[in-house]
Amino acid sequence: MKLKSLSLAVLGACAFAPAAFAQDDAGASGGKHFSVVGGYALMQPDSDPIEGSRTDFDGGTMPTLSLAWNANDHWGVELWGAVDKADYRVRGDAGKIGSVGHQPVAISGQYHFGRVDAPFRPFVGLGYFQAKTRDAGIAVEPLQQVPEFDKQKGGIVTLGVDMNISPRWFARVDARYMKANAEIRNFVEHGETNPHDKLEANFDPWTIGAGVGVRF
């Protein structure tokens, strides 16, 4: 609900922005205000997110989808997320000891540099994200099992570049950094369930992605 409310607020702010902000360069954009990008991304968390636990977290890959509304040739709002979860492989002294699934979704305001018809168009974005942590299972001291993570939420920063293939089609590469922590509840410690204490996992993941987009 928070993400839905934020998205409506951002879209409303753009819709009622001053006329100078909302002017559209139809000669460059051809009147196209929407874009869709499908791609794939590598997500890498902090390698040692759980304090006091001798574990390393490896990154995983995930399919992604981006939907954007562009107020003009430079400013826009993007809804981006993972179509499926990325699986973090968890390693301990004895090798793989479990995995954690992570599926983020984010809404960001974006600024695109240059003209729409330029060969390369860098862009930057700043926004808010939430992520579900699913299918968590870790068997290592002091954590013998981790059945429940809190939902992660926080800020996201995006850097990327679009490479025009035609007036309608383009390729994209981008990098995103998400800043948020998650609390771990109901974990098993030294053979006994601990329902009272909480541990903190500082995932702070970043992604590197590539995809193909279309404007309409």
N, C-alpha and C. Protein backbone atom coordinates (compact mmCIF):
# COMPACT_ATOMS: atom_id res chain seq x y z
N MET A 1 0.82 -1.19 0.00
CA MET A 1 0.00 0.00 0.00
C MET A 1 0.86 1.25 0.00
N LYS A 2 1.97 1.20 0.76
CA LYS A 2 2.85 2.36 0.77
C LYS A 2 3.42 2.61 -0.62
N LEU A 3 3.82 1.54 -1.32
CA LEU A 3 4.38 1.70 -2.65
C LEU A 3 3.34 2.23 -3.61
N LYS A 4 2.09 1.74 -3.49
CA LYS A 4 1.01 2.21 -4.36
C LYS A 4 0.74 3.68 -4.11
N SER A 5 0.68 4.10 -2.86
CA SER A 5 0.43 5.50 -2.53
C SER A 5 1.55 6.39 -3.04
N LEU A 6 2.80 5.92 -2.90
CA LEU A 6 3.94 6.70 -3.37
C LEU A 6 3.89 6.87 -4.88
N SER A 7 3.55 5.79 -5.59
CA SER A 7 3.50 5.86 -7.05
C SER A 7 2.44 6.83 -7.51
N LEU A 8 1.26 6.83 -6.87
CA LEU A 8 0.20 7.77 -7.23
C LEU A 8 0.63 9.20 -6.95
N ALA A 9 1.34 9.41 -5.85
CA ALA A 9 1.80 10.75 -5.51
C ALA A 9 2.81 11.27 -6.53
N VAL A 10 3.75 10.41 -6.93
CA VAL A 10 4.75 10.83 -7.90
C VAL A 10 4.12 11.14 -9.25
N LEU A 11 3.22 10.26 -9.69
CA LEU A 11 2.54 10.50 -10.97
C LEU A 11 1.70 11.77 -10.92
N GLY A 12 1.05 12.01 -9.79
CA GLY A 12 0.26 13.22 -9.66
C GLY A 12 1.12 14.47 -9.69
N ALA A 13 2.28 14.41 -9.03
CA ALA A 13 3.18 15.56 -9.03
C ALA A 13 3.66 15.88 -10.43
N CYS A 14 3.98 14.84 -11.21
CA CYS A 14 4.43 15.06 -12.58
C CYS A 14 3.31 15.61 -13.45
N ALA A 15 2.09 15.13 -13.22
CA ALA A 15 0.98 15.55 -14.06
C ALA A 15 0.65 17.02 -13.85
N PHE A 16 0.86 17.52 -12.63
CA PHE A 16 0.52 18.91 -12.34
C PHE A 16 1.75 19.79 -12.19
N ALA A 17 2.87 19.33 -12.76
CA ALA A 17 4.09 20.14 -12.73
C ALA A 17 3.91 21.36 -13.61
N PRO A 18 4.77 22.38 -13.46
CA PRO A 18 4.67 23.57 -14.29
C PRO A 18 4.79 23.24 -15.76
N ALA A 19 4.25 24.14 -16.59
CA ALA A 19 4.23 23.90 -18.03
C ALA A 19 5.62 23.77 -18.60
N ALA A 20 6.57 24.48 -18.04
CA ALA A 20 7.95 24.39 -18.54
C ALA A 20 8.51 22.99 -18.34
N PHE A 21 8.10 22.33 -17.28
CA PHE A 21 8.57 20.98 -17.01
C PHE A 21 7.93 19.98 -17.96
N ALA A 22 6.64 20.20 -18.29
CA ALA A 22 5.87 19.21 -19.04
C ALA A 22 5.94 19.39 -20.55
N GLN A 23 6.63 20.37 -21.06
CA GLN A 23 6.73 20.58 -22.49
C GLN A 23 7.35 19.37 -23.15
N ASP A 24 6.81 19.00 -24.30
CA ASP A 24 7.29 17.82 -25.02
C ASP A 24 7.90 18.24 -26.33
N ASP A 25 9.09 17.78 -26.64
CA ASP A 25 9.76 18.05 -27.90
C ASP A 25 9.30 17.00 -28.91
N ALA A 26 8.16 17.24 -29.57
CA ALA A 26 7.59 16.24 -30.47
C ALA A 26 8.51 15.94 -31.63
N GLY A 27 9.36 16.89 -32.02
CA GLY A 27 10.27 16.63 -33.11
C GLY A 27 11.26 15.54 -32.80
N ALA A 28 11.65 15.40 -31.54
CA ALA A 28 12.61 14.37 -31.16
C ALA A 28 11.93 13.09 -30.70
N SER A 29 10.89 13.24 -29.87
CA SER A 29 10.26 12.06 -29.28
C SER A 29 9.17 11.46 -30.14
N GLY A 30 8.65 12.25 -31.11
CA GLY A 30 7.55 11.77 -31.92
C GLY A 30 6.27 11.59 -31.12
N GLY A 31 6.17 12.25 -29.97
CA GLY A 31 4.97 12.16 -29.14
C GLY A 31 4.88 10.89 -28.33
N LYS A 32 5.93 10.11 -28.22
CA LYS A 32 5.90 8.86 -27.45
C LYS A 32 6.19 9.16 -25.98
N HIS A 33 5.27 8.76 -25.11
CA HIS A 33 5.41 9.08 -23.69
C HIS A 33 5.61 7.85 -22.81
N PHE A 34 5.56 6.64 -23.38
CA PHE A 34 5.69 5.43 -22.58
C PHE A 34 6.80 4.55 -23.14
N SER A 35 7.40 3.76 -22.27
CA SER A 35 8.42 2.80 -22.70
C SER A 35 8.36 1.57 -21.80
N VAL A 36 8.72 0.44 -22.38
CA VAL A 36 8.78 -0.84 -21.67
C VAL A 36 10.14 -1.46 -21.95
N VAL A 37 10.79 -1.96 -20.92
CA VAL A 37 12.09 -2.61 -21.06
C VAL A 37 12.04 -3.97 -20.38
N GLY A 38 12.38 -5.02 -21.12
CA GLY A 38 12.53 -6.34 -20.54
C GLY A 38 14.00 -6.72 -20.54
N GLY A 39 14.45 -7.32 -19.47
CA GLY A 39 15.88 -7.63 -19.40
C GLY A 39 16.21 -8.66 -18.36
N TYR A 40 17.49 -8.71 -18.04
CA TYR A 40 18.02 -9.66 -17.06
C TYR A 40 19.06 -8.92 -16.23
N ALA A 41 19.14 -9.25 -14.95
CA ALA A 41 20.07 -8.54 -14.06
C ALA A 41 20.73 -9.50 -13.09
N LEU A 42 21.96 -9.17 -12.74
CA LEU A 42 22.67 -9.84 -11.66
C LEU A 42 22.50 -9.01 -10.40
N MET A 43 22.00 -9.62 -9.35
CA MET A 43 21.86 -8.93 -8.06
C MET A 43 22.88 -9.48 -7.08
N GLN A 44 23.65 -8.58 -6.47
CA GLN A 44 24.71 -8.98 -5.54
C GLN A 44 24.51 -8.28 -4.20
N PRO A 45 24.24 -9.03 -3.12
CA PRO A 45 24.12 -8.41 -1.80
C PRO A 45 25.49 -8.23 -1.17
N ASP A 46 25.49 -7.59 -0.02
CA ASP A 46 26.70 -7.56 0.80
C ASP A 46 27.13 -9.01 1.04
N SER A 47 28.41 -9.29 0.90
CA SER A 47 28.87 -10.68 1.00
C SER A 47 28.73 -11.26 2.41
N ASP A 48 28.67 -10.40 3.43
CA ASP A 48 28.59 -10.88 4.82
C ASP A 48 27.54 -10.04 5.57
N PRO A 49 26.24 -10.24 5.26
CA PRO A 49 25.22 -9.33 5.78
C PRO A 49 24.78 -9.59 7.21
N ILE A 50 25.01 -10.79 7.76
CA ILE A 50 24.49 -11.13 9.09
C ILE A 50 25.62 -11.07 10.11
N GLU A 51 25.55 -10.08 10.97
CA GLU A 51 26.61 -9.89 11.96
C GLU A 51 26.66 -11.07 12.92
N GLY A 52 27.87 -11.56 13.18
CA GLY A 52 28.04 -12.65 14.11
C GLY A 52 27.90 -14.02 13.50
N SER A 53 27.63 -14.08 12.19
CA SER A 53 27.48 -15.37 11.52
C SER A 53 28.57 -15.50 10.46
N ARG A 54 29.28 -16.62 10.45
CA ARG A 54 30.37 -16.83 9.49
C ARG A 54 29.78 -17.34 8.17
N THR A 55 29.15 -16.43 7.46
CA THR A 55 28.52 -16.79 6.19
C THR A 55 28.90 -15.79 5.11
N ASP A 56 28.90 -16.25 3.87
CA ASP A 56 29.09 -15.40 2.70
C ASP A 56 27.90 -15.60 1.78
N PHE A 57 27.39 -14.49 1.22
CA PHE A 57 26.24 -14.53 0.32
C PHE A 57 26.71 -14.23 -1.10
N ASP A 58 26.43 -15.16 -2.02
CA ASP A 58 26.73 -14.94 -3.43
C ASP A 58 25.49 -14.39 -4.12
N GLY A 59 25.70 -13.59 -5.17
CA GLY A 59 24.59 -13.00 -5.89
C GLY A 59 23.89 -14.00 -6.80
N GLY A 60 22.73 -13.58 -7.32
CA GLY A 60 21.96 -14.39 -8.24
C GLY A 60 21.39 -13.55 -9.37
N THR A 61 20.90 -14.20 -10.40
CA THR A 61 20.32 -13.49 -11.55
C THR A 61 18.80 -13.54 -11.50
N MET A 62 18.16 -12.60 -12.21
CA MET A 62 16.71 -12.53 -12.21
C MET A 62 16.23 -11.79 -13.46
N PRO A 63 15.07 -12.18 -14.03
CA PRO A 63 14.47 -11.41 -15.12
C PRO A 63 13.84 -10.15 -14.56
N THR A 64 13.90 -9.06 -15.31
CA THR A 64 13.37 -7.78 -14.84
C THR A 64 12.45 -7.16 -15.88
N LEU A 65 11.58 -6.27 -15.42
CA LEU A 65 10.67 -5.54 -16.30
C LEU A 65 10.58 -4.11 -15.81
N SER A 66 10.62 -3.17 -16.76
CA SER A 66 10.53 -1.75 -16.45
C SER A 66 9.41 -1.12 -17.27
N LEU A 67 8.55 -0.35 -16.61
CA LEU A 67 7.49 0.41 -17.26
C LEU A 67 7.71 1.89 -16.91
N ALA A 68 7.76 2.75 -17.91
CA ALA A 68 8.06 4.16 -17.65
C ALA A 68 7.07 5.07 -18.36
N TRP A 69 6.72 6.14 -17.68
CA TRP A 69 5.95 7.24 -18.27
C TRP A 69 6.85 8.46 -18.31
N ASN A 70 6.96 9.10 -19.48
CA ASN A 70 7.85 10.23 -19.68
C ASN A 70 7.05 11.51 -19.86
N ALA A 71 7.23 12.45 -18.93
CA ALA A 71 6.53 13.73 -19.03
C ALA A 71 6.99 14.52 -20.24
N ASN A 72 8.28 14.42 -20.55
CA ASN A 72 8.84 15.05 -21.74
C ASN A 72 10.07 14.26 -22.14
N ASP A 73 10.94 14.85 -22.95
CA ASP A 73 12.11 14.12 -23.44
C ASP A 73 13.16 13.84 -22.37
N HIS A 74 13.02 14.46 -21.20
CA HIS A 74 14.05 14.33 -20.18
C HIS A 74 13.55 13.72 -18.87
N TRP A 75 12.36 14.12 -18.42
CA TRP A 75 11.88 13.69 -17.11
C TRP A 75 10.86 12.57 -17.23
N GLY A 76 10.92 11.62 -16.31
CA GLY A 76 9.97 10.52 -16.32
C GLY A 76 9.88 9.82 -14.98
N VAL A 77 8.95 8.88 -14.90
CA VAL A 77 8.74 8.04 -13.71
C VAL A 77 8.80 6.59 -14.15
N GLU A 78 9.60 5.78 -13.46
CA GLU A 78 9.79 4.37 -13.83
C GLU A 78 9.33 3.46 -12.70
N LEU A 79 8.58 2.42 -13.07
CA LEU A 79 8.27 1.31 -12.17
C LEU A 79 9.10 0.12 -12.65
N TRP A 80 9.99 -0.35 -11.79
CA TRP A 80 10.94 -1.41 -12.15
C TRP A 80 10.88 -2.52 -11.13
N GLY A 81 11.03 -3.76 -11.57
CA GLY A 81 11.04 -4.84 -10.60
C GLY A 81 11.49 -6.16 -11.20
N ALA A 82 11.68 -7.12 -10.33
CA ALA A 82 12.07 -8.47 -10.73
C ALA A 82 10.82 -9.28 -11.03
N VAL A 83 10.80 -9.92 -12.18
CA VAL A 83 9.68 -10.78 -12.55
C VAL A 83 9.70 -12.05 -11.71
N ASP A 84 10.88 -12.51 -11.35
CA ASP A 84 11.06 -13.67 -10.49
C ASP A 84 12.19 -13.35 -9.51
N LYS A 85 12.29 -14.13 -8.46
CA LYS A 85 13.29 -13.85 -7.42
C LYS A 85 14.70 -14.21 -7.87
N ALA A 86 15.66 -13.50 -7.30
CA ALA A 86 17.07 -13.87 -7.43
C ALA A 86 17.43 -14.73 -6.22
N ASP A 87 18.13 -15.82 -6.46
CA ASP A 87 18.53 -16.72 -5.37
C ASP A 87 19.96 -16.42 -4.94
N TYR A 88 20.10 -16.02 -3.68
CA TYR A 88 21.43 -15.85 -3.10
C TYR A 88 21.90 -17.19 -2.57
N ARG A 89 23.05 -17.64 -3.00
CA ARG A 89 23.63 -18.85 -2.44
C ARG A 89 24.41 -18.48 -1.18
N VAL A 90 24.13 -19.19 -0.08
CA VAL A 90 24.77 -18.91 1.20
C VAL A 90 25.85 -19.95 1.44
N ARG A 91 27.08 -19.48 1.71
CA ARG A 91 28.21 -20.37 1.91
C ARG A 91 28.79 -20.20 3.31
N GLY A 92 29.21 -21.32 3.87
CA GLY A 92 29.91 -21.31 5.15
C GLY A 92 31.25 -22.01 5.01
N ASP A 93 31.84 -22.38 6.12
CA ASP A 93 33.15 -23.04 6.09
C ASP A 93 33.10 -24.38 5.34
N ALA A 94 31.92 -25.02 5.35
CA ALA A 94 31.79 -26.34 4.72
C ALA A 94 31.22 -26.26 3.30
N GLY A 95 31.10 -25.06 2.75
CA GLY A 95 30.53 -24.91 1.41
C GLY A 95 29.13 -24.36 1.47
N LYS A 96 28.29 -24.74 0.48
CA LYS A 96 26.93 -24.22 0.43
C LYS A 96 26.12 -24.76 1.60
N ILE A 97 25.43 -23.84 2.29
CA ILE A 97 24.64 -24.22 3.46
C ILE A 97 23.19 -23.77 3.34
N GLY A 98 22.81 -23.16 2.24
CA GLY A 98 21.43 -22.73 2.08
C GLY A 98 21.30 -21.68 1.00
N SER A 99 20.12 -21.08 0.92
CA SER A 99 19.85 -20.04 -0.08
C SER A 99 18.78 -19.10 0.45
N VAL A 100 18.74 -17.91 -0.15
CA VAL A 100 17.74 -16.90 0.19
C VAL A 100 17.24 -16.30 -1.11
N GLY A 101 15.91 -16.26 -1.30
CA GLY A 101 15.34 -15.64 -2.49
C GLY A 101 15.00 -14.19 -2.25
N HIS A 102 15.27 -13.32 -3.22
CA HIS A 102 15.10 -11.88 -3.05
C HIS A 102 14.43 -11.33 -4.30
N GLN A 103 13.29 -10.59 -4.13
CA GLN A 103 12.53 -10.08 -5.27
C GLN A 103 12.15 -8.62 -5.02
N PRO A 104 12.87 -7.66 -5.63
CA PRO A 104 12.61 -6.24 -5.39
C PRO A 104 11.65 -5.63 -6.42
N VAL A 105 11.00 -4.54 -6.03
CA VAL A 105 10.22 -3.69 -6.93
C VAL A 105 10.46 -2.25 -6.49
N ALA A 106 10.56 -1.32 -7.45
CA ALA A 106 10.92 0.06 -7.12
C ALA A 106 10.20 1.04 -8.02
N ILE A 107 9.99 2.24 -7.51
CA ILE A 107 9.49 3.35 -8.31
C ILE A 107 10.48 4.51 -8.17
N SER A 108 10.83 5.11 -9.30
CA SER A 108 11.87 6.15 -9.29
C SER A 108 11.51 7.28 -10.24
N GLY A 109 11.92 8.48 -9.87
CA GLY A 109 11.95 9.59 -10.81
C GLY A 109 13.26 9.53 -11.58
N GLN A 110 13.22 9.83 -12.89
CA GLN A 110 14.42 9.72 -13.73
C GLN A 110 14.63 10.98 -14.55
N TYR A 111 15.92 11.24 -14.82
CA TYR A 111 16.28 12.30 -15.75
C TYR A 111 17.18 11.71 -16.83
N HIS A 112 16.79 11.90 -18.11
CA HIS A 112 17.54 11.41 -19.27
C HIS A 112 18.26 12.59 -19.93
N PHE A 113 19.55 12.42 -20.19
CA PHE A 113 20.35 13.47 -20.79
C PHE A 113 20.27 13.39 -22.33
N GLY A 114 20.44 14.54 -22.98
CA GLY A 114 20.51 14.58 -24.44
C GLY A 114 19.16 14.43 -25.11
N ARG A 115 19.19 14.30 -26.43
CA ARG A 115 17.98 14.17 -27.23
C ARG A 115 17.56 12.70 -27.33
N VAL A 116 16.26 12.50 -27.55
CA VAL A 116 15.73 11.15 -27.67
C VAL A 116 16.38 10.40 -28.82
N ASP A 117 16.72 11.11 -29.90
CA ASP A 117 17.28 10.45 -31.09
C ASP A 117 18.81 10.38 -31.06
N ALA A 118 19.45 10.75 -29.94
CA ALA A 118 20.91 10.63 -29.84
C ALA A 118 21.30 9.15 -29.77
N PRO A 119 22.47 8.77 -30.28
CA PRO A 119 22.88 7.35 -30.25
C PRO A 119 22.94 6.78 -28.83
N PHE A 120 23.45 7.59 -27.89
CA PHE A 120 23.56 7.14 -26.50
C PHE A 120 22.91 8.19 -25.59
N ARG A 121 22.08 7.72 -24.66
CA ARG A 121 21.40 8.62 -23.73
C ARG A 121 21.60 8.15 -22.29
N PRO A 122 22.52 8.74 -21.55
CA PRO A 122 22.67 8.40 -20.13
C PRO A 122 21.46 8.88 -19.34
N PHE A 123 21.20 8.22 -18.22
CA PHE A 123 20.11 8.65 -17.34
C PHE A 123 20.46 8.32 -15.89
N VAL A 124 19.81 9.04 -14.98
CA VAL A 124 19.97 8.81 -13.55
C VAL A 124 18.59 8.73 -12.93
N GLY A 125 18.49 8.03 -11.81
CA GLY A 125 17.20 7.91 -11.13
C GLY A 125 17.36 7.83 -9.63
N LEU A 126 16.32 8.25 -8.93
CA LEU A 126 16.31 8.20 -7.48
C LEU A 126 14.89 7.84 -7.03
N GLY A 127 14.77 6.86 -6.14
CA GLY A 127 13.42 6.46 -5.75
C GLY A 127 13.38 5.61 -4.51
N TYR A 128 12.34 4.78 -4.44
CA TYR A 128 12.02 3.97 -3.26
C TYR A 128 11.79 2.53 -3.71
N PHE A 129 12.24 1.56 -2.90
CA PHE A 129 12.03 0.17 -3.26
C PHE A 129 11.55 -0.64 -2.07
N GLN A 130 10.90 -1.77 -2.39
CA GLN A 130 10.59 -2.79 -1.41
C GLN A 130 11.02 -4.12 -1.99
N ALA A 131 11.37 -5.06 -1.11
CA ALA A 131 11.82 -6.37 -1.58
C ALA A 131 11.30 -7.46 -0.65
N LYS A 132 10.78 -8.52 -1.25
CA LYS A 132 10.39 -9.71 -0.50
C LYS A 132 11.60 -10.63 -0.40
N THR A 133 11.81 -11.18 0.77
CA THR A 133 12.84 -12.20 0.97
C THR A 133 12.14 -13.52 1.19
N ARG A 134 12.32 -14.46 0.26
CA ARG A 134 11.53 -15.70 0.27
C ARG A 134 12.44 -16.93 0.32
N ASP A 135 11.83 -18.04 0.71
CA ASP A 135 12.49 -19.34 0.67
C ASP A 135 13.83 -19.33 1.40
N ALA A 136 13.84 -18.69 2.56
CA ALA A 136 15.09 -18.58 3.30
C ALA A 136 15.35 -19.87 4.08
N GLY A 137 16.55 -20.40 3.97
CA GLY A 137 16.95 -21.56 4.74
C GLY A 137 18.45 -21.60 4.91
N ILE A 138 18.91 -21.41 6.14
CA ILE A 138 20.34 -21.38 6.41
C ILE A 138 20.63 -22.32 7.57
N ALA A 139 21.67 -23.13 7.43
CA ALA A 139 22.03 -24.07 8.50
C ALA A 139 23.49 -23.85 8.87
N VAL A 140 23.76 -22.93 9.80
CA VAL A 140 25.12 -22.61 10.22
C VAL A 140 25.05 -21.94 11.58
N GLU A 141 26.04 -22.16 12.42
CA GLU A 141 26.11 -21.48 13.70
C GLU A 141 26.49 -20.01 13.47
N PRO A 142 25.88 -19.06 14.25
CA PRO A 142 24.86 -19.31 15.26
C PRO A 142 23.46 -19.51 14.69
N LEU A 143 23.29 -19.46 13.37
CA LEU A 143 21.98 -19.66 12.77
C LEU A 143 21.88 -21.07 12.22
N GLN A 144 21.01 -21.88 12.75
CA GLN A 144 20.80 -23.20 12.19
C GLN A 144 19.68 -23.20 11.17
N GLN A 145 18.76 -22.23 11.26
CA GLN A 145 17.71 -22.08 10.28
C GLN A 145 17.19 -20.66 10.36
N VAL A 146 16.86 -20.06 9.21
CA VAL A 146 16.32 -18.70 9.19
C VAL A 146 15.00 -18.74 8.43
N PRO A 147 13.88 -18.91 9.12
CA PRO A 147 12.62 -19.08 8.40
C PRO A 147 11.95 -17.79 7.98
N GLU A 148 12.34 -16.64 8.54
CA GLU A 148 11.56 -15.42 8.30
C GLU A 148 12.44 -14.18 8.31
N PHE A 149 12.37 -13.43 7.20
CA PHE A 149 13.01 -12.12 7.10
C PHE A 149 11.91 -11.06 7.00
N ASP A 150 12.11 -9.90 7.60
CA ASP A 150 11.22 -8.77 7.36
C ASP A 150 11.36 -8.29 5.92
N LYS A 151 10.28 -7.69 5.41
CA LYS A 151 10.36 -7.06 4.08
C LYS A 151 11.35 -5.91 4.13
N GLN A 152 12.21 -5.83 3.12
CA GLN A 152 13.17 -4.74 3.03
C GLN A 152 12.56 -3.57 2.28
N LYS A 153 12.92 -2.37 2.67
CA LYS A 153 12.46 -1.16 1.99
C LYS A 153 13.43 -0.04 2.26
N GLY A 154 13.56 0.85 1.26
CA GLY A 154 14.49 1.95 1.41
C GLY A 154 14.72 2.66 0.09
N GLY A 155 15.83 3.38 0.00
CA GLY A 155 16.13 4.16 -1.19
C GLY A 155 16.85 3.35 -2.26
N ILE A 156 16.66 3.78 -3.51
CA ILE A 156 17.34 3.15 -4.64
C ILE A 156 17.89 4.23 -5.56
N VAL A 157 19.11 4.03 -6.03
CA VAL A 157 19.77 4.94 -6.97
C VAL A 157 20.05 4.17 -8.26
N THR A 158 19.78 4.80 -9.40
CA THR A 158 19.96 4.15 -10.70
C THR A 158 20.87 4.98 -11.59
N LEU A 159 21.80 4.31 -12.27
CA LEU A 159 22.62 4.91 -13.32
C LEU A 159 22.53 4.00 -14.54
N GLY A 160 22.32 4.59 -15.72
CA GLY A 160 22.20 3.75 -16.89
C GLY A 160 22.40 4.52 -18.18
N VAL A 161 22.34 3.80 -19.28
CA VAL A 161 22.45 4.42 -20.60
C VAL A 161 21.58 3.63 -21.58
N ASP A 162 20.84 4.37 -22.41
CA ASP A 162 20.05 3.78 -23.50
C ASP A 162 20.80 3.95 -24.80
N MET A 163 20.79 2.93 -25.63
CA MET A 163 21.46 2.96 -26.94
C MET A 163 20.40 2.74 -28.02
N ASN A 164 20.14 3.77 -28.82
CA ASN A 164 19.06 3.72 -29.80
C ASN A 164 19.38 2.75 -30.93
N ILE A 165 18.42 1.87 -31.23
CA ILE A 165 18.50 0.97 -32.37
C ILE A 165 17.69 1.55 -33.53
N SER A 166 16.54 2.13 -33.21
CA SER A 166 15.66 2.80 -34.16
C SER A 166 14.88 3.84 -33.38
N PRO A 167 14.03 4.66 -34.02
CA PRO A 167 13.24 5.63 -33.25
C PRO A 167 12.36 4.98 -32.19
N ARG A 168 12.01 3.72 -32.37
CA ARG A 168 11.14 3.04 -31.42
C ARG A 168 11.89 2.09 -30.49
N TRP A 169 12.89 1.39 -30.99
CA TRP A 169 13.58 0.36 -30.23
C TRP A 169 14.91 0.84 -29.69
N PHE A 170 15.30 0.35 -28.50
CA PHE A 170 16.58 0.72 -27.90
C PHE A 170 17.07 -0.40 -27.00
N ALA A 171 18.37 -0.43 -26.75
CA ALA A 171 18.98 -1.34 -25.79
C ALA A 171 19.37 -0.55 -24.55
N ARG A 172 19.43 -1.22 -23.42
CA ARG A 172 19.73 -0.54 -22.15
C ARG A 172 20.68 -1.36 -21.29
N VAL A 173 21.61 -0.67 -20.64
CA VAL A 173 22.41 -1.24 -19.56
C VAL A 173 22.28 -0.30 -18.36
N ASP A 174 22.20 -0.86 -17.16
CA ASP A 174 22.04 -0.01 -15.98
C ASP A 174 22.63 -0.68 -14.75
N ALA A 175 22.83 0.13 -13.73
CA ALA A 175 23.29 -0.33 -12.42
C ALA A 175 22.40 0.33 -11.38
N ARG A 176 22.02 -0.44 -10.37
CA ARG A 176 21.14 0.06 -9.32
C ARG A 176 21.70 -0.34 -7.95
N TYR A 177 21.56 0.58 -6.99
CA TYR A 177 22.01 0.30 -5.62
C TYR A 177 20.85 0.55 -4.68
N MET A 178 20.56 -0.44 -3.82
CA MET A 178 19.45 -0.35 -2.87
C MET A 178 19.99 -0.36 -1.45
N LYS A 179 19.54 0.60 -0.66
CA LYS A 179 20.02 0.73 0.71
C LYS A 179 18.91 0.38 1.68
N ALA A 180 19.00 -0.80 2.32
CA ALA A 180 17.99 -1.19 3.30
C ALA A 180 18.49 -2.39 4.09
N ASN A 181 17.95 -2.53 5.29
CA ASN A 181 18.28 -3.66 6.16
C ASN A 181 17.02 -4.51 6.37
N ALA A 182 17.21 -5.73 6.83
CA ALA A 182 16.09 -6.61 7.14
C ALA A 182 16.32 -7.26 8.48
N GLU A 183 15.26 -7.36 9.27
CA GLU A 183 15.35 -8.06 10.55
C GLU A 183 14.97 -9.52 10.37
N ILE A 184 15.66 -10.40 11.09
CA ILE A 184 15.41 -11.84 11.05
C ILE A 184 14.71 -12.23 12.35
N ARG A 185 13.57 -12.90 12.21
CA ARG A 185 12.80 -13.30 13.39
C ARG A 185 12.63 -14.82 13.41
N ASN A 186 12.34 -15.33 14.60
CA ASN A 186 12.03 -16.76 14.80
C ASN A 186 13.14 -17.66 14.27
N PHE A 187 14.38 -17.26 14.50
CA PHE A 187 15.49 -18.09 14.05
C PHE A 187 15.82 -19.14 15.10
N VAL A 188 16.48 -20.19 14.65
CA VAL A 188 16.89 -21.27 15.55
C VAL A 188 18.34 -21.06 15.91
N GLU A 189 18.63 -20.97 17.19
CA GLU A 189 19.98 -20.69 17.67
C GLU A 189 20.40 -21.76 18.66
N HIS A 190 21.50 -22.44 18.34
CA HIS A 190 22.02 -23.50 19.21
C HIS A 190 20.95 -24.55 19.51
N GLY A 191 20.18 -24.89 18.48
CA GLY A 191 19.21 -25.96 18.61
C GLY A 191 17.86 -25.57 19.17
N GLU A 192 17.66 -24.30 19.56
CA GLU A 192 16.39 -23.87 20.14
C GLU A 192 15.86 -22.65 19.38
N THR A 193 14.54 -22.63 19.18
CA THR A 193 13.91 -21.48 18.52
C THR A 193 13.95 -20.27 19.44
N ASN A 194 14.34 -19.14 18.90
CA ASN A 194 14.42 -17.90 19.66
C ASN A 194 13.38 -16.92 19.11
N PRO A 195 12.18 -16.87 19.72
CA PRO A 195 11.12 -16.01 19.18
C PRO A 195 11.22 -14.56 19.64
N HIS A 196 12.13 -14.26 20.53
CA HIS A 196 12.16 -12.93 21.15
C HIS A 196 13.22 -12.01 20.52
N ASP A 197 14.41 -12.50 20.36
CA ASP A 197 15.48 -11.66 19.83
C ASP A 197 15.36 -11.51 18.31
N LYS A 198 16.02 -10.51 17.79
CA LYS A 198 16.06 -10.28 16.35
C LYS A 198 17.50 -10.07 15.91
N LEU A 199 17.80 -10.53 14.73
CA LEU A 199 19.09 -10.26 14.10
C LEU A 199 18.87 -9.31 12.93
N GLU A 200 19.89 -8.58 12.59
CA GLU A 200 19.80 -7.65 11.48
C GLU A 200 20.68 -8.10 10.33
N ALA A 201 20.09 -8.12 9.13
CA ALA A 201 20.83 -8.46 7.92
C ALA A 201 20.97 -7.21 7.07
N ASN A 202 22.20 -6.80 6.80
CA ASN A 202 22.47 -5.61 5.99
C ASN A 202 22.78 -6.05 4.56
N PHE A 203 21.73 -6.35 3.78
CA PHE A 203 21.96 -6.85 2.43
C PHE A 203 22.53 -5.77 1.51
N ASP A 204 21.92 -4.57 1.49
CA ASP A 204 22.37 -3.45 0.64
C ASP A 204 22.75 -3.94 -0.76
N PRO A 205 21.83 -4.54 -1.51
CA PRO A 205 22.20 -5.14 -2.80
C PRO A 205 22.38 -4.11 -3.91
N TRP A 206 23.16 -4.48 -4.90
CA TRP A 206 23.27 -3.71 -6.14
C TRP A 206 23.04 -4.66 -7.31
N THR A 207 22.65 -4.08 -8.44
CA THR A 207 22.37 -4.88 -9.62
C THR A 207 23.11 -4.31 -10.83
N ILE A 208 23.45 -5.19 -11.75
CA ILE A 208 23.90 -4.79 -13.09
C ILE A 208 23.00 -5.50 -14.08
N GLY A 209 22.33 -4.73 -14.95
CA GLY A 209 21.34 -5.33 -15.84
C GLY A 209 21.49 -4.87 -17.27
N ALA A 210 20.88 -5.62 -18.17
CA ALA A 210 20.83 -5.30 -19.59
C ALA A 210 19.48 -5.71 -20.13
N GLY A 211 18.98 -4.99 -21.14
CA GLY A 211 17.68 -5.32 -21.70
C GLY A 211 17.43 -4.61 -23.00
N VAL A 212 16.24 -4.87 -23.55
CA VAL A 212 15.78 -4.25 -24.80
C VAL A 212 14.45 -3.57 -24.52
N GLY A 213 14.28 -2.34 -25.04
CA GLY A 213 13.07 -1.58 -24.77
C GLY A 213 12.39 -1.10 -26.03
N VAL A 214 11.14 -0.68 -25.87
CA VAL A 214 10.34 -0.13 -26.96
C VAL A 214 9.59 1.09 -26.45
N ARG A 215 9.49 2.11 -27.28
CA ARG A 215 8.71 3.34 -26.95
C ARG A 215 7.39 3.32 -27.70
N PHE A 216 6.38 3.85 -27.06
CA PHE A 216 5.09 3.95 -27.74
C PHE A 216 4.27 5.10 -27.16
